[in-house]
Structure formats: C-alpha cells, structure tokens
C-alpha cells in the first residue's frame, strides 16, 4: 500500500512539473502585441534557463526583460560580453499582459546598430 501511494505521489508530481515550467518559461503571460523598449542596461543575469536584464527605460522606469537561453544568443551571434551595465539597448518582443508589471520577453535585441534575432521562428 505504501509503495502504491508513493508511486501515485511521484506520478502526480511529474504531471504537475511540466505545467509549472511552462507557466514561467512560456509566452502565456505576455501580451500578443509587439512591443519595443529602449533604455540602458542596469543589471545582467545570464545563463540557464534564460538570461535576464534590468533595463532603465527612457522614462526612468526599471524593467525586467527575459532574454533567450544561452544557445539562442550564440545562434543569433549575440555575445554575452555585449550585454553589460551601462550599454544602450533596444529590445523588441512582448510585454506582460498585466500593464502594471514592467516585464517583457525579448525576441530581438538591437545593440550598437546590430540586430540579433533570438527567436527567428517568431519573426
């Protein structure tokens, strides 16, 4: 009986985990309209599961922007060394569907006149 309960609990956890991951890493939280944000990078966190920058927008608001996974940066030709605090950047993608949340997911990054397409299948 104990083995059966343990098996059921483990199976339930495995079923629940992919949904939790998709909720965070998917696009469901983002608005469907294209959004462009320009500003200066203030903080950078790169790596898995995806990179993230804190960006001070032109109006002074501080945004959190999800970038792609490290392999997406490499495929697009974007070097992590280019993403440094103090660098001016334009990000194209989708903002949060909640207008009060200053968060977006970038599909494209524009740095020093170069455009890096992190999600070419979404263009």
Protein backbone atom coordinates (compact mmCIF):
# COMPACT_ATOMS: atom_id res chain seq x y z
CA UNK A 1 0.00 0.00 0.00
CA UNK A 2 2.84 2.40 0.87
CA UNK A 3 4.51 1.66 -2.47
CA UNK A 4 1.31 2.40 -4.33
CA UNK A 5 0.86 5.76 -2.55
CA UNK A 6 4.49 6.69 -3.25
CA UNK A 7 4.02 5.80 -6.91
CA UNK A 8 0.83 7.89 -7.17
CA UNK A 9 2.52 10.86 -5.46
CA UNK A 10 5.53 10.63 -7.78
CA UNK A 11 3.32 10.37 -10.86
CA UNK A 12 1.27 13.39 -9.77
CA UNK A 13 4.46 15.42 -9.24
CA UNK A 14 5.74 14.52 -12.71
CA UNK A 15 2.47 15.56 -14.30
CA UNK A 16 2.39 18.88 -12.40
CA UNK A 17 6.00 19.93 -13.04
CA UNK A 18 5.86 20.50 -16.81
CA UNK A 19 2.86 22.79 -16.36
CA UNK A 20 4.67 24.87 -13.76
CA UNK A 21 7.69 25.19 -16.03
CA UNK A 22 5.57 26.19 -18.99
CA UNK A 23 3.78 28.81 -16.93
CA UNK A 24 7.07 30.55 -16.18
CA UNK A 25 9.00 29.92 -19.38
CA UNK A 26 6.21 30.02 -21.91
CA UNK A 27 4.63 33.05 -23.53
CA UNK A 28 1.19 32.82 -21.87
CA UNK A 29 1.88 35.73 -19.53
CA UNK A 30 2.86 38.05 -22.41
CA UNK A 31 0.62 40.31 -24.47
CA UNK A 32 0.24 39.32 -28.14
CA UNK A 33 1.05 42.83 -29.44
CA UNK A 34 4.62 43.63 -30.46
CA UNK A 35 6.40 45.93 -28.00
CA UNK A 36 9.64 47.93 -28.28
CA UNK A 37 11.63 49.11 -25.26
CA UNK A 38 14.74 51.31 -25.36
CA UNK A 39 16.99 52.19 -22.46
CA UNK A 40 20.20 51.42 -20.61
CA UNK A 41 21.14 48.07 -19.06
CA UNK A 42 21.47 48.36 -15.27
CA UNK A 43 21.87 44.69 -14.26
CA UNK A 44 22.59 41.47 -16.14
CA UNK A 45 22.00 37.82 -15.22
CA UNK A 46 22.88 35.36 -17.95
CA UNK A 47 22.68 31.57 -18.09
CA UNK A 48 20.02 28.91 -17.85
CA UNK A 49 17.11 28.68 -18.03
CA UNK A 50 17.25 32.12 -19.75
CA UNK A 51 19.11 35.39 -19.42
CA UNK A 52 17.59 38.45 -17.84
CA UNK A 53 18.46 42.15 -17.83
CA UNK A 54 17.15 45.02 -15.74
CA UNK A 55 16.73 47.98 -18.03
CA UNK A 56 16.21 51.63 -17.17
CA UNK A 57 13.82 52.89 -19.84
CA UNK A 58 13.96 56.37 -21.33
CA UNK A 59 11.22 57.48 -18.90
CA UNK A 60 13.23 56.23 -15.89
CA UNK A 61 11.11 53.12 -15.25
CA UNK A 62 13.03 49.95 -14.34
CA UNK A 63 12.01 46.93 -16.45
CA UNK A 64 12.84 43.24 -16.14
CA UNK A 65 13.46 41.71 -19.56
CA UNK A 66 13.73 37.98 -20.23
CA UNK A 67 16.20 37.11 -22.95
CA UNK A 68 16.72 33.77 -24.64
CA UNK A 69 18.58 30.72 -23.46
CA UNK A 70 22.39 30.80 -23.93
CA UNK A 71 22.16 28.72 -27.11
CA UNK A 72 19.75 31.27 -28.62
CA UNK A 73 22.24 34.08 -28.00
CA UNK A 74 25.00 32.06 -29.66
CA UNK A 75 22.80 31.15 -32.65
CA UNK A 76 21.88 34.81 -33.14
CA UNK A 77 25.54 35.91 -32.90
CA UNK A 78 24.99 37.82 -29.64
CA UNK A 79 27.95 37.65 -27.27
CA UNK A 80 27.34 37.75 -23.52
CA UNK A 81 30.19 40.29 -23.35
CA UNK A 82 27.98 42.77 -25.24
CA UNK A 83 25.32 42.71 -22.51
CA UNK A 84 26.93 44.90 -19.86
CA UNK A 85 25.60 47.51 -17.41
CA UNK A 86 25.66 50.99 -18.93
CA UNK A 87 25.08 49.79 -22.50
CA UNK A 88 22.25 51.37 -24.50
CA UNK A 89 19.90 48.74 -25.90
CA UNK A 90 16.62 48.36 -27.76
CA UNK A 91 14.53 45.25 -27.20
CA UNK A 92 11.67 44.05 -29.39
CA UNK A 93 9.20 41.45 -28.18
CA UNK A 94 6.15 41.24 -25.94
CA UNK A 95 5.42 42.95 -22.65
CA UNK A 96 3.44 41.47 -19.79
CA UNK A 97 -0.32 41.31 -20.34
CA UNK A 98 -0.58 42.97 -16.91
CA UNK A 99 0.07 46.68 -17.62
CA UNK A 100 1.20 47.23 -14.02
CA UNK A 101 4.02 44.68 -14.44
CA UNK A 102 7.16 46.18 -16.03
CA UNK A 103 8.29 42.93 -17.60
CA UNK A 104 8.83 41.80 -21.17
CA UNK A 105 10.20 38.88 -23.14
CA UNK A 106 12.62 39.91 -25.87
CA UNK A 107 12.54 38.29 -29.30
CA UNK A 108 15.11 40.64 -30.81
CA UNK A 109 17.99 42.68 -29.36
CA UNK A 110 19.45 45.80 -31.00
CA UNK A 111 22.92 46.84 -29.79
CA UNK A 112 25.26 49.33 -31.48
CA UNK A 113 23.23 49.16 -34.69
CA UNK A 114 23.30 45.34 -34.85
CA UNK A 115 20.01 43.41 -34.66
CA UNK A 116 20.10 39.95 -33.08
CA UNK A 117 17.08 37.72 -33.66
CA UNK A 118 16.77 35.38 -30.67
CA UNK A 119 13.55 33.78 -31.92
CA UNK A 120 13.73 33.65 -35.74
CA UNK A 121 10.71 31.33 -35.83
CA UNK A 122 8.58 34.10 -34.24
CA UNK A 123 9.52 36.92 -36.64
